[in-house]
């Protein structure tokens, strides 16, 4: 579609007749996924992308390039889709896009239309991801990198730099049209399950039959590979490009939208929930919660270190005690010392589990804890006579 738009073959609102979902060309049968329901008939060029119409995109490309297929393939090459980027990963795949002149022995009358929806070409998923990333990236295609720096003994010996594969994969006008189509795939088309209430996602579904060697595509029953590739957030500056493939799904009708797309949506929503790309919203002062956090009782040195680091004001009434209890007062913390006679059970109420266990085990007791949070009860009360080897149970809430 990007090639057709850039070459002026079609505009998004132009229409194409895909009939009843079955198209015979050069003695071969091409179908749309909804042929069993009578097909889409006449739809716009944009809708061929929304609805994943094989016939629609094939007819568009045949209209412009049936007599000059080399021009179509050369334009794909010019985008960078056939350029090996050398990822330096053992066993990495390389893109293979047939050329009608260089590969004339493998070129047939059906090669061009079948190429338009992904057959007779081989594109490793990382290249598909790189292409969609370029769409999200204003048209600039960059080489994927997996390592930012290489260091030895703590010293950086090599820094990897971003490499540009193609500074502009298409015209800005075409890019805007493609971006709108990919948004509409989710909002109006086959990727409906990808639609999220929290983050806007743009992308494209894919469903392909898996070849089974000499047995062809039907040797052991039809096997499929479904995918979704897209980017988000699509209503601002995109931050992430993501592709998910599912090979040979066993349950349900093979669908790039409901299977792979649902995974992408889940990933996008979790990234959104974790605040990894915050929305631009004016935050008003919080008047319902205290200005300082609640701090558990514990070790004086560690508490004061944390308060200093977080710039939390405190007043020290610990009188050189190693263990303190805390109290919030206005905009500062009050620290009072905990004094325990050497032969008595110390008080650990209000402490976290780590400090409480340390203090009691240091005194010679065996500790069992129940629950989580802070200590709200201890089975042997503070101040009781200490007998080394006793077991004490702490209740945390």
Protein backbone atom coordinates (compact mmCIF):
# COMPACT_ATOMS: atom_id res chain seq x y z
CA UNK A 1 0.00 0.00 0.00
CA UNK A 2 2.88 2.36 0.78
CA UNK A 3 4.36 1.72 -2.69
CA UNK A 4 0.98 2.32 -4.38
CA UNK A 5 0.40 5.59 -2.53
CA UNK A 6 3.92 6.87 -3.17
CA UNK A 7 3.65 6.01 -6.86
CA UNK A 8 0.28 7.75 -7.19
CA UNK A 9 -1.49 4.52 -8.19
CA UNK A 10 -4.24 4.95 -5.62
CA UNK A 11 -5.58 7.31 -2.96
CA UNK A 12 -7.08 6.12 0.34
CA UNK A 13 -10.64 7.04 -0.70
CA UNK A 14 -10.45 5.43 -4.16
CA UNK A 15 -12.46 2.22 -4.42
CA UNK A 16 -11.62 -1.30 -5.53
CA UNK A 17 -14.07 -4.12 -6.29
CA UNK A 18 -13.11 -7.29 -4.39
CA UNK A 19 -16.31 -9.04 -5.40
CA UNK A 20 -17.54 -12.05 -3.47
CA UNK A 21 -14.14 -12.75 -1.91
CA UNK A 22 -12.90 -15.06 -4.71
CA UNK A 23 -10.59 -13.82 -7.49
CA UNK A 24 -9.17 -15.95 -10.29
CA UNK A 25 -5.89 -14.75 -11.77
CA UNK A 26 -3.60 -16.59 -14.22
CA UNK A 27 -5.43 -19.83 -13.47
CA UNK A 28 -4.98 -19.54 -9.68
CA UNK A 29 -7.59 -18.87 -7.03
CA UNK A 30 -7.17 -16.05 -4.53
CA UNK A 31 -9.58 -15.64 -1.61
CA UNK A 32 -10.38 -13.17 1.13
CA UNK A 33 -10.91 -14.38 4.68
CA UNK A 34 -14.64 -13.64 4.47
CA UNK A 35 -15.29 -15.37 1.13
CA UNK A 36 -17.61 -17.82 2.91
CA UNK A 37 -19.77 -14.82 3.83
CA UNK A 38 -19.92 -13.38 0.30
CA UNK A 39 -16.91 -11.03 0.37
CA UNK A 40 -16.67 -7.25 0.79
CA UNK A 41 -17.60 -6.24 -2.81
CA UNK A 42 -16.62 -2.58 -3.44
CA UNK A 43 -14.49 -1.02 -0.69
CA UNK A 44 -12.06 1.87 -0.42
CA UNK A 45 -8.31 1.41 -0.73
CA UNK A 46 -7.98 2.22 2.98
CA UNK A 47 -10.52 -0.48 3.80
CA UNK A 48 -8.42 -3.10 2.03
CA UNK A 49 -5.93 -2.53 4.87
CA UNK A 50 -8.58 -2.30 7.61
CA UNK A 51 -10.15 -5.59 6.53
CA UNK A 52 -7.00 -7.44 5.37
CA UNK A 53 -8.36 -7.95 1.86
CA UNK A 54 -5.88 -10.02 -0.19
CA UNK A 55 -7.87 -9.36 -3.32
CA UNK A 56 -8.05 -5.63 -2.71
CA UNK A 57 -4.32 -5.05 -2.31
CA UNK A 58 -3.50 -7.47 -5.16
CA UNK A 59 -5.81 -5.61 -7.56
CA UNK A 60 -4.33 -2.25 -6.54
CA UNK A 61 -0.78 -3.40 -7.27
CA UNK A 62 -1.78 -5.16 -10.48
CA UNK A 63 -3.40 -1.93 -11.63
CA UNK A 64 -0.12 -0.05 -11.33
CA UNK A 65 2.58 -2.66 -11.82
CA UNK A 66 1.22 -5.67 -13.75
CA UNK A 67 3.22 -4.62 -16.82
CA UNK A 68 6.28 -3.43 -14.87
CA UNK A 69 6.72 -5.67 -11.82
CA UNK A 70 10.40 -4.78 -11.54
CA UNK A 71 9.38 -1.21 -10.67
CA UNK A 72 7.27 -2.50 -7.77
CA UNK A 73 10.07 -4.68 -6.39
CA UNK A 74 12.68 -1.95 -6.85
CA UNK A 75 10.51 0.34 -4.72
CA UNK A 76 10.40 -2.31 -1.97
CA UNK A 77 14.19 -2.56 -2.16
CA UNK A 78 14.50 1.24 -2.00
CA UNK A 79 12.57 1.25 1.29
CA UNK A 80 15.22 -1.01 2.81
CA UNK A 81 13.00 -4.08 3.19
CA UNK A 82 15.50 -6.32 1.38
CA UNK A 83 18.64 -4.89 2.98
CA UNK A 84 20.39 -7.27 5.42
CA UNK A 85 21.18 -5.32 8.60
CA UNK A 86 23.60 -7.88 10.07
CA UNK A 87 22.41 -8.19 13.66
CA UNK A 88 25.43 -10.37 14.57
CA UNK A 89 23.18 -13.04 16.09
CA UNK A 90 24.01 -16.65 15.10
CA UNK A 91 21.37 -18.07 12.81
CA UNK A 92 19.75 -14.72 12.06
CA UNK A 93 17.43 -14.67 9.07
CA UNK A 94 17.77 -12.45 6.03
CA UNK A 95 14.98 -10.94 3.95
CA UNK A 96 14.36 -12.50 0.55
CA UNK A 97 12.21 -10.59 -1.93
CA UNK A 98 12.17 -11.99 -5.46
CA UNK A 99 13.09 -9.74 -8.36
CA UNK A 100 11.51 -10.39 -11.80
CA UNK A 101 14.83 -9.91 -13.59
CA UNK A 102 17.42 -11.19 -11.09
CA UNK A 103 15.23 -14.15 -10.16
CA UNK A 104 13.45 -14.70 -13.47
CA UNK A 105 13.69 -18.49 -13.15
CA UNK A 106 11.59 -18.33 -9.98
CA UNK A 107 9.22 -15.61 -11.18
CA UNK A 108 5.76 -16.63 -12.41
CA UNK A 109 2.61 -14.85 -13.52
CA UNK A 110 1.15 -15.16 -10.01
CA UNK A 111 4.25 -13.99 -8.12
CA UNK A 112 3.41 -10.26 -8.16
CA UNK A 113 -0.18 -10.43 -6.82
CA UNK A 114 0.69 -13.08 -4.22
CA UNK A 115 3.66 -10.98 -3.01
CA UNK A 116 1.28 -8.15 -2.13
CA UNK A 117 -0.11 -10.04 0.87
CA UNK A 118 3.06 -11.78 1.98
CA UNK A 119 3.48 -14.98 -0.03
CA UNK A 120 6.54 -15.82 -2.20
CA UNK A 121 8.69 -13.55 -0.04
CA UNK A 122 10.51 -14.16 3.24
CA UNK A 123 10.74 -11.37 5.82
CA UNK A 124 12.15 -12.24 9.28
CA UNK A 125 9.94 -10.83 12.07
CA UNK A 126 12.67 -8.47 13.28
CA UNK A 127 12.64 -6.82 9.82
CA UNK A 128 8.87 -6.44 9.97
CA UNK A 129 9.29 -4.86 13.39
CA UNK A 130 11.98 -2.55 12.00
CA UNK A 131 9.64 -1.48 9.19
CA UNK A 132 6.72 -0.69 11.51
CA UNK A 133 9.10 1.11 13.85
CA UNK A 134 10.07 3.32 10.90
CA UNK A 135 6.39 4.14 10.35
CA UNK A 136 6.11 5.15 14.01
CA UNK A 137 9.45 6.97 13.83
CA UNK A 138 8.44 9.56 11.24
CA UNK A 139 9.67 7.44 8.32
CA UNK A 140 13.24 6.94 9.58
CA UNK A 141 14.25 3.28 9.58
CA UNK A 142 16.95 2.37 12.10
CA UNK A 143 18.83 -0.87 12.65
CA UNK A 144 17.69 -2.82 15.73
CA UNK A 145 20.33 -2.99 18.46
CA UNK A 146 20.37 -5.35 21.42
CA UNK A 147 23.45 -4.10 23.28
CA UNK A 148 24.16 -0.45 24.11
CA UNK A 149 27.63 -0.94 25.58
CA UNK A 150 30.29 -3.61 25.98
CA UNK A 151 32.42 -3.44 29.12
CA UNK A 152 35.28 -5.43 30.61
CA UNK A 153 36.23 -5.29 34.27
CA UNK A 154 33.84 -2.38 34.75
CA UNK A 155 35.40 -0.33 31.92
CA UNK A 156 33.38 0.47 28.80
CA UNK A 157 35.36 -0.67 25.77
CA UNK A 158 32.73 -0.18 23.05
CA UNK A 159 29.56 1.89 22.70
CA UNK A 160 27.04 0.87 20.05
CA UNK A 161 25.65 3.71 17.98
CA UNK A 162 22.31 3.94 16.19
CA UNK A 163 22.62 3.11 12.49
CA UNK A 164 20.17 4.44 9.92
CA UNK A 165 19.00 1.95 7.28
CA UNK A 166 16.83 4.47 5.42
CA UNK A 167 16.36 8.11 6.46
CA UNK A 168 12.89 8.29 4.81
CA UNK A 169 10.99 5.18 3.69
CA UNK A 170 8.27 7.18 1.90
CA UNK A 171 6.95 10.71 1.43
CA UNK A 172 5.52 12.50 4.48
CA UNK A 173 2.07 12.52 2.84
CA UNK A 174 2.12 8.76 2.30
CA UNK A 175 3.41 8.19 5.82
CA UNK A 176 0.50 10.14 7.31
CA UNK A 177 -1.95 8.11 5.22
CA UNK A 178 -0.38 4.80 6.29
CA UNK A 179 -0.39 5.86 9.95
CA UNK A 180 -4.10 6.65 9.70
CA UNK A 181 -4.81 3.29 8.07
CA UNK A 182 -2.96 1.42 10.82
CA UNK A 183 -4.90 3.31 13.46
CA UNK A 184 -8.15 2.46 11.69
CA UNK A 185 -7.20 -1.24 11.52
CA UNK A 186 -7.59 -1.27 15.31
CA UNK A 187 -10.47 1.18 15.54
CA UNK A 188 -12.55 -0.11 12.62
CA UNK A 189 -11.00 -3.24 11.15
CA UNK A 190 -9.72 -6.75 11.81
CA UNK A 191 -7.75 -5.78 14.93
CA UNK A 192 -10.76 -4.84 17.04
CA UNK A 193 -9.54 -7.00 19.99
CA UNK A 194 -6.42 -4.82 20.15
CA UNK A 195 -8.44 -1.71 20.98
CA UNK A 196 -7.72 -0.46 24.49
CA UNK A 197 -9.56 1.95 26.76
CA UNK A 198 -6.22 3.17 28.13
CA UNK A 199 -3.73 3.47 25.29
CA UNK A 200 -4.21 3.99 21.57
CA UNK A 201 -2.56 1.29 19.46
CA UNK A 202 -1.95 1.26 15.69
CA UNK A 203 -0.85 -1.75 13.67
CA UNK A 204 -1.70 -4.60 11.35
CA UNK A 205 -2.83 -8.18 11.71
CA UNK A 206 -1.31 -11.04 9.74
CA UNK A 207 -2.44 -14.60 9.08
CA UNK A 208 -0.44 -17.00 6.91
CA UNK A 209 -0.56 -20.70 6.17
CA UNK A 210 2.64 -22.58 7.05
CA UNK A 211 4.23 -24.60 4.27
CA UNK A 212 4.88 -28.25 5.20
CA UNK A 213 7.70 -29.09 2.83
CA UNK A 214 6.82 -31.41 -0.03
CA UNK A 215 3.32 -31.84 1.40
CA UNK A 216 2.53 -28.23 0.56
CA UNK A 217 0.13 -26.23 2.72
CA UNK A 218 -2.32 -29.03 3.53
CA UNK A 219 -0.08 -32.00 4.32
CA UNK A 220 -1.09 -32.53 7.93
CA UNK A 221 -4.11 -30.29 7.94
CA UNK A 222 -3.82 -26.52 7.61
CA UNK A 223 -1.31 -24.90 9.95
CA UNK A 224 -1.20 -21.14 10.50
CA UNK A 225 1.05 -18.46 11.86
CA UNK A 226 -0.80 -15.39 13.11
CA UNK A 227 0.75 -12.08 14.04
CA UNK A 228 0.18 -8.48 14.99
CA UNK A 229 2.74 -5.74 14.59
CA UNK A 230 2.13 -2.19 15.75
CA UNK A 231 3.15 0.74 17.90
CA UNK A 232 1.85 2.81 20.80
CA UNK A 233 0.79 5.32 21.96
CA UNK A 234 -0.55 6.12 18.50
CA UNK A 235 -2.23 9.40 19.47
CA UNK A 236 0.97 11.20 20.45
CA UNK A 237 4.65 10.48 20.09
CA UNK A 238 4.95 6.66 19.84
CA UNK A 239 7.37 5.13 22.34
CA UNK A 240 7.19 1.41 21.63
CA UNK A 241 6.92 -0.87 18.62
CA UNK A 242 5.87 -4.45 19.30
CA UNK A 243 5.32 -7.64 17.30
CA UNK A 244 3.80 -10.90 18.55
CA UNK A 245 3.64 -14.12 16.52
CA UNK A 246 1.72 -17.27 17.41
CA UNK A 247 2.62 -20.38 15.43
CA UNK A 248 0.08 -23.11 14.77
CA UNK A 249 -2.56 -22.13 17.35
CA UNK A 250 -4.68 -25.13 18.37
CA UNK A 251 -7.71 -23.42 19.85
CA UNK A 252 -10.13 -21.14 18.05
CA UNK A 253 -10.09 -19.68 14.54
CA UNK A 254 -6.56 -18.45 13.64
CA UNK A 255 -6.67 -14.67 14.04
CA UNK A 256 -3.89 -12.12 14.27
CA UNK A 257 -6.22 -9.71 16.03
CA UNK A 258 -7.76 -11.85 18.76
CA UNK A 259 -4.64 -13.96 19.37
CA UNK A 260 -1.44 -11.99 18.76
CA UNK A 261 -3.14 -8.60 18.99
CA UNK A 262 -4.59 -9.34 22.41
CA UNK A 263 -1.06 -10.00 23.68
CA UNK A 264 0.17 -6.67 22.29
CA UNK A 265 -2.76 -4.89 23.96
CA UNK A 266 -1.91 -6.54 27.29
CA UNK A 267 1.74 -5.48 26.95
CA UNK A 268 0.76 -1.91 26.07
CA UNK A 269 -1.69 -1.62 28.97
CA UNK A 270 0.82 -2.97 31.48
CA UNK A 271 3.47 -0.53 30.27
CA UNK A 272 0.87 2.24 30.58
CA UNK A 273 -0.10 1.07 34.10
CA UNK A 274 3.54 1.13 35.18
CA UNK A 275 3.82 4.74 34.06
CA UNK A 276 6.58 4.12 31.54
CA UNK A 277 5.04 6.77 29.30
CA UNK A 278 3.04 9.15 31.49
CA UNK A 279 0.31 11.26 29.97
CA UNK A 280 0.74 15.01 30.13
CA UNK A 281 -1.68 15.94 32.92
CA UNK A 282 -1.34 18.80 35.38
CA UNK A 283 -0.98 17.29 38.85
CA UNK A 284 -2.59 19.28 41.66
CA UNK A 285 -1.25 19.23 45.24
CA UNK A 286 -2.47 16.30 47.35
CA UNK A 287 -4.41 17.69 50.32
CA UNK A 288 -5.78 14.37 51.60
CA UNK A 289 -2.55 12.62 52.54
CA UNK A 290 0.30 13.58 54.89
CA UNK A 291 3.36 15.31 53.51
CA UNK A 292 5.67 12.75 55.12
CA UNK A 293 5.48 8.94 54.92
CA UNK A 294 4.75 6.60 57.79
CA UNK A 295 8.03 5.17 59.10
CA UNK A 296 8.26 1.95 61.12
CA UNK A 297 10.19 1.66 64.36
CA UNK A 298 13.68 0.30 63.90
CA UNK A 299 17.40 0.91 63.80
CA UNK A 300 18.39 4.52 64.52
CA UNK A 301 21.30 4.65 62.09
CA UNK A 302 19.34 3.24 59.14
CA UNK A 303 16.27 5.40 59.81
CA UNK A 304 18.24 8.64 59.98
CA UNK A 305 20.20 7.67 56.85
CA UNK A 306 16.94 7.18 54.93
CA UNK A 307 15.47 10.43 56.28
CA UNK A 308 18.58 12.38 55.26
CA UNK A 309 18.55 10.81 51.80
CA UNK A 310 14.85 11.60 51.25
CA UNK A 311 15.14 15.03 52.91
CA UNK A 312 12.61 14.14 55.62
CA UNK A 313 12.98 16.31 58.71
CA UNK A 314 13.26 14.59 62.10
CA UNK A 315 13.98 15.41 65.73
CA UNK A 316 16.31 13.15 67.63
CA UNK A 317 15.22 12.24 71.18
CA UNK A 318 16.85 8.83 71.00
CA UNK A 319 19.50 9.73 73.59
CA UNK A 320 22.10 7.59 71.83
CA UNK A 321 19.84 4.49 71.76
CA UNK A 322 20.49 2.11 68.86
CA UNK A 323 16.76 1.36 68.45
CA UNK A 324 13.98 3.93 68.19
CA UNK A 325 10.24 4.27 67.90
CA UNK A 326 8.83 6.86 65.51
CA UNK A 327 5.96 9.32 65.59
CA UNK A 328 4.73 11.68 62.87
CA UNK A 329 4.39 15.28 63.99
CA UNK A 330 3.30 17.96 61.52
CA UNK A 331 6.00 17.89 58.80
CA UNK A 332 8.67 15.96 60.68
CA UNK A 333 9.42 12.63 62.39
CA UNK A 334 10.01 12.32 66.13
CA UNK A 335 12.55 9.64 67.13
CA UNK A 336 12.38 8.33 70.72
CA UNK A 337 14.85 5.78 72.05
CA UNK A 338 13.82 2.24 73.01
CA UNK A 339 15.57 1.16 76.17
CA UNK A 340 15.51 -2.49 77.19
CA UNK A 341 17.36 -3.95 80.21
CA UNK A 342 19.88 -6.60 79.13
CA UNK A 343 18.04 -9.44 80.87
CA UNK A 344 14.59 -8.49 79.55
CA UNK A 345 12.60 -9.18 76.37
CA UNK A 346 12.91 -6.14 74.04
CA UNK A 347 9.85 -4.44 72.55
CA UNK A 348 9.65 -4.87 68.79
CA UNK A 349 6.09 -3.61 68.22
CA UNK A 350 5.88 -1.23 65.26
CA UNK A 351 9.03 -2.65 63.63
CA UNK A 352 9.34 -4.40 60.32
CA UNK A 353 10.12 -8.13 60.26
CA UNK A 354 13.81 -7.70 59.44
CA UNK A 355 14.62 -5.36 62.34
CA UNK A 356 12.46 -7.32 64.80
CA UNK A 357 14.04 -10.68 63.95
CA UNK A 358 17.55 -9.22 64.11
CA UNK A 359 16.99 -7.65 67.53
CA UNK A 360 15.36 -10.74 69.06
CA UNK A 361 17.81 -13.25 67.63
CA UNK A 362 20.70 -11.09 68.80
CA UNK A 363 19.20 -11.40 72.29
CA UNK A 364 19.31 -15.20 71.96
CA UNK A 365 15.68 -15.96 71.09
CA UNK A 366 14.22 -18.17 68.33
CA UNK A 367 11.69 -16.22 66.27
CA UNK A 368 8.58 -17.30 64.36
CA UNK A 369 6.57 -14.75 62.36
CA UNK A 370 2.98 -14.76 61.17
CA UNK A 371 1.57 -12.31 58.61
CA UNK A 372 3.27 -9.37 56.89
CA UNK A 373 3.61 -5.64 57.44
CA UNK A 374 4.69 -4.34 60.86
CA UNK A 375 4.78 -6.13 64.23
CA UNK A 376 1.51 -5.68 66.12
CA UNK A 377 1.98 -8.38 68.74
CA UNK A 378 4.67 -10.51 70.38
CA UNK A 379 3.92 -13.74 72.28
CA UNK A 380 6.31 -12.86 75.13
CA UNK A 381 5.64 -9.31 76.34
CA UNK A 382 8.33 -6.67 76.40
CA UNK A 383 10.10 -6.43 79.74
CA UNK A 384 9.61 -10.12 80.64
CA UNK A 385 12.65 -12.02 81.89
CA UNK A 386 14.87 -13.11 79.02
CA UNK A 387 15.69 -16.81 78.78
CA UNK A 388 18.05 -17.55 75.90
CA UNK A 389 16.75 -20.23 73.54
CA UNK A 390 13.10 -19.36 74.10
CA UNK A 391 10.79 -19.23 71.07
CA UNK A 392 8.84 -16.03 70.51
CA UNK A 393 6.10 -15.58 67.92
CA UNK A 394 5.53 -12.23 66.22
CA UNK A 395 2.24 -11.22 64.62
CA UNK A 396 2.53 -8.81 61.66
CA UNK A 397 -0.23 -6.79 59.98
